[in-house]
């Protein structure tokens, strides 16, 4: 979950640096899944669901903290 302390809060999805082989499947906002768009800005409370073939949980945490 994106928090107010997350460096990705307020960032557009296009600015995220994700681990290799990782894509954003959906952003859940206010309980509703939304299609990820490059200009969508993450907000505190958003949940980002990822699909990855290689990334570890630590890799993913590093990308969002």
N, C-alpha and C. Protein backbone atom coordinates (compact mmCIF):
# COMPACT_ATOMS: atom_id res chain seq x y z
N UNK A 1 0.85 -1.17 0.00
CA UNK A 1 0.00 0.00 0.00
C UNK A 1 0.90 1.24 0.00
N UNK A 2 0.48 2.22 -0.77
CA UNK A 2 1.21 3.48 -0.83
C UNK A 2 0.84 4.29 0.42
N UNK A 3 1.84 4.80 1.09
CA UNK A 3 1.61 5.63 2.28
C UNK A 3 2.08 7.05 2.00
N UNK A 4 1.80 7.95 2.94
CA UNK A 4 2.25 9.33 2.79
C UNK A 4 3.78 9.41 2.82
N UNK A 5 4.42 8.40 3.39
CA UNK A 5 5.89 8.38 3.46
C UNK A 5 6.54 7.74 2.24
N UNK A 6 5.74 7.11 1.40
CA UNK A 6 6.27 6.45 0.21
C UNK A 6 6.79 7.49 -0.78
N UNK A 7 7.96 7.23 -1.32
CA UNK A 7 8.51 8.18 -2.31
C UNK A 7 7.73 8.17 -3.61
N UNK A 8 6.88 7.17 -3.79
CA UNK A 8 6.08 7.10 -5.01
C UNK A 8 4.74 7.83 -4.89
N UNK A 9 4.38 8.27 -3.68
CA UNK A 9 3.12 9.02 -3.51
C UNK A 9 3.21 10.31 -4.33
N UNK A 10 2.23 10.50 -5.20
CA UNK A 10 2.21 11.68 -6.06
C UNK A 10 2.94 11.50 -7.37
N UNK A 11 3.66 10.40 -7.52
CA UNK A 11 4.42 10.16 -8.75
C UNK A 11 3.54 9.51 -9.81
N UNK A 12 3.74 9.91 -11.07
CA UNK A 12 3.02 9.22 -12.14
C UNK A 12 3.61 7.83 -12.35
N UNK A 13 2.79 6.90 -12.78
CA UNK A 13 3.26 5.53 -13.01
C UNK A 13 4.44 5.50 -13.98
N UNK A 14 4.45 6.41 -14.95
CA UNK A 14 5.53 6.43 -15.94
C UNK A 14 6.89 6.72 -15.32
N UNK A 15 6.92 7.30 -14.12
CA UNK A 15 8.19 7.61 -13.45
C UNK A 15 8.70 6.48 -12.57
N UNK A 16 7.89 5.45 -12.35
CA UNK A 16 8.32 4.36 -11.48
C UNK A 16 9.42 3.54 -12.14
N UNK A 17 10.40 3.16 -11.34
CA UNK A 17 11.46 2.28 -11.80
C UNK A 17 11.21 0.93 -11.15
N UNK A 18 10.65 0.02 -11.93
CA UNK A 18 10.29 -1.30 -11.42
C UNK A 18 11.41 -2.30 -11.70
N UNK A 19 11.47 -3.35 -10.89
CA UNK A 19 12.46 -4.40 -11.17
C UNK A 19 12.25 -4.98 -12.57
N UNK A 20 13.31 -5.45 -13.16
CA UNK A 20 13.24 -6.06 -14.48
C UNK A 20 12.20 -7.18 -14.51
N UNK A 21 11.43 -7.24 -15.60
CA UNK A 21 10.43 -8.28 -15.75
C UNK A 21 9.18 -8.07 -14.93
N UNK A 22 8.96 -6.84 -14.44
CA UNK A 22 7.81 -6.54 -13.57
C UNK A 22 6.90 -5.54 -14.27
N UNK A 23 5.59 -5.79 -14.21
CA UNK A 23 4.61 -4.86 -14.78
C UNK A 23 3.51 -4.61 -13.74
N UNK A 24 2.85 -3.48 -13.87
CA UNK A 24 1.72 -3.15 -13.01
C UNK A 24 0.47 -3.73 -13.63
N UNK A 25 -0.21 -4.60 -12.90
CA UNK A 25 -1.45 -5.21 -13.39
C UNK A 25 -2.63 -4.29 -13.17
N UNK A 26 -2.72 -3.68 -11.98
CA UNK A 26 -3.81 -2.76 -11.66
C UNK A 26 -3.42 -1.92 -10.46
N UNK A 27 -4.09 -0.81 -10.32
CA UNK A 27 -4.00 0.02 -9.12
C UNK A 27 -5.38 -0.02 -8.48
N UNK A 28 -5.43 -0.43 -7.22
CA UNK A 28 -6.70 -0.47 -6.50
C UNK A 28 -6.82 0.83 -5.71
N UNK A 29 -7.82 1.60 -6.06
CA UNK A 29 -8.05 2.91 -5.41
C UNK A 29 -9.47 2.91 -4.88
N UNK A 30 -9.60 3.20 -3.60
CA UNK A 30 -10.92 3.22 -2.95
C UNK A 30 -11.67 1.91 -3.18
N UNK A 31 -10.91 0.80 -3.16
CA UNK A 31 -11.51 -0.51 -3.30
C UNK A 31 -11.84 -0.92 -4.72
N UNK A 32 -11.56 -0.06 -5.69
CA UNK A 32 -11.90 -0.35 -7.08
C UNK A 32 -10.62 -0.53 -7.92
N UNK A 33 -10.50 -1.64 -8.64
CA UNK A 33 -9.35 -1.79 -9.53
C UNK A 33 -9.47 -0.84 -10.70
N UNK A 34 -8.36 -0.25 -11.08
CA UNK A 34 -8.34 0.67 -12.21
C UNK A 34 -7.23 0.26 -13.17
N UNK A 35 -7.45 0.47 -14.43
CA UNK A 35 -6.43 0.17 -15.43
C UNK A 35 -5.29 1.17 -15.27
N UNK A 36 -4.07 0.67 -15.20
CA UNK A 36 -2.93 1.59 -15.04
C UNK A 36 -2.68 2.37 -16.32
N UNK A 37 -2.56 3.66 -16.18
CA UNK A 37 -2.23 4.57 -17.28
C UNK A 37 -0.93 5.28 -16.93
N UNK A 38 -0.07 5.55 -17.89
CA UNK A 38 1.22 6.17 -17.58
C UNK A 38 1.14 7.48 -16.78
N UNK A 39 0.09 8.28 -17.02
CA UNK A 39 -0.02 9.57 -16.33
C UNK A 39 -0.75 9.48 -14.99
N UNK A 40 -1.23 8.29 -14.62
CA UNK A 40 -1.92 8.11 -13.33
C UNK A 40 -0.92 8.36 -12.19
N UNK A 41 -1.31 9.20 -11.24
CA UNK A 41 -0.45 9.49 -10.08
C UNK A 41 -0.90 8.66 -8.90
N UNK A 42 0.06 8.04 -8.24
CA UNK A 42 -0.25 7.23 -7.07
C UNK A 42 -0.62 8.13 -5.89
N UNK A 43 -1.56 7.66 -5.10
CA UNK A 43 -2.02 8.39 -3.91
C UNK A 43 -1.84 7.51 -2.68
N UNK A 44 -1.67 8.14 -1.52
CA UNK A 44 -1.67 7.35 -0.29
C UNK A 44 -2.97 6.54 -0.21
N UNK A 45 -2.85 5.29 0.15
CA UNK A 45 -3.99 4.39 0.23
C UNK A 45 -4.15 3.51 -0.99
N UNK A 46 -3.51 3.88 -2.10
CA UNK A 46 -3.55 3.04 -3.29
C UNK A 46 -2.81 1.73 -3.04
N UNK A 47 -3.31 0.67 -3.65
CA UNK A 47 -2.61 -0.61 -3.64
C UNK A 47 -2.24 -0.92 -5.08
N UNK A 48 -1.00 -1.33 -5.28
CA UNK A 48 -0.50 -1.61 -6.62
C UNK A 48 -0.27 -3.12 -6.72
N UNK A 49 -0.93 -3.74 -7.68
CA UNK A 49 -0.76 -5.17 -7.90
C UNK A 49 0.19 -5.37 -9.08
N UNK A 50 1.24 -6.12 -8.83
CA UNK A 50 2.29 -6.33 -9.82
C UNK A 50 2.34 -7.78 -10.27
N UNK A 51 2.87 -7.98 -11.45
CA UNK A 51 3.18 -9.30 -11.96
C UNK A 51 4.67 -9.29 -12.29
N UNK A 52 5.38 -10.30 -11.80
CA UNK A 52 6.82 -10.36 -12.05
C UNK A 52 7.28 -11.80 -12.16
N UNK A 53 8.23 -12.00 -13.03
CA UNK A 53 8.82 -13.33 -13.20
C UNK A 53 10.05 -13.52 -12.33
N UNK A 54 10.69 -12.43 -11.92
CA UNK A 54 11.94 -12.56 -11.20
C UNK A 54 12.08 -11.74 -9.92
N UNK A 55 11.34 -10.68 -9.78
CA UNK A 55 11.54 -9.78 -8.65
C UNK A 55 11.19 -10.45 -7.32
N UNK A 56 12.00 -10.14 -6.33
CA UNK A 56 11.73 -10.61 -4.98
C UNK A 56 10.87 -9.57 -4.27
N UNK A 57 10.33 -9.95 -3.13
CA UNK A 57 9.55 -9.00 -2.35
C UNK A 57 10.40 -7.79 -1.98
N UNK A 58 11.65 -8.02 -1.66
CA UNK A 58 12.56 -6.92 -1.30
C UNK A 58 12.76 -6.00 -2.50
N UNK A 59 12.90 -6.53 -3.70
CA UNK A 59 13.03 -5.69 -4.89
C UNK A 59 11.82 -4.78 -5.05
N UNK A 60 10.65 -5.35 -4.86
CA UNK A 60 9.41 -4.58 -5.02
C UNK A 60 9.31 -3.52 -3.92
N UNK A 61 9.60 -3.89 -2.69
CA UNK A 61 9.54 -2.92 -1.59
C UNK A 61 10.49 -1.76 -1.85
N UNK A 62 11.68 -2.05 -2.36
CA UNK A 62 12.66 -1.00 -2.64
C UNK A 62 12.15 -0.02 -3.70
N UNK A 63 11.37 -0.51 -4.64
CA UNK A 63 10.87 0.35 -5.71
C UNK A 63 9.81 1.34 -5.21
N UNK A 64 9.13 1.00 -4.12
CA UNK A 64 8.01 1.82 -3.65
C UNK A 64 8.27 2.57 -2.35
N UNK A 65 9.27 2.20 -1.60
CA UNK A 65 9.50 2.87 -0.30
C UNK A 65 10.14 4.16 -0.50
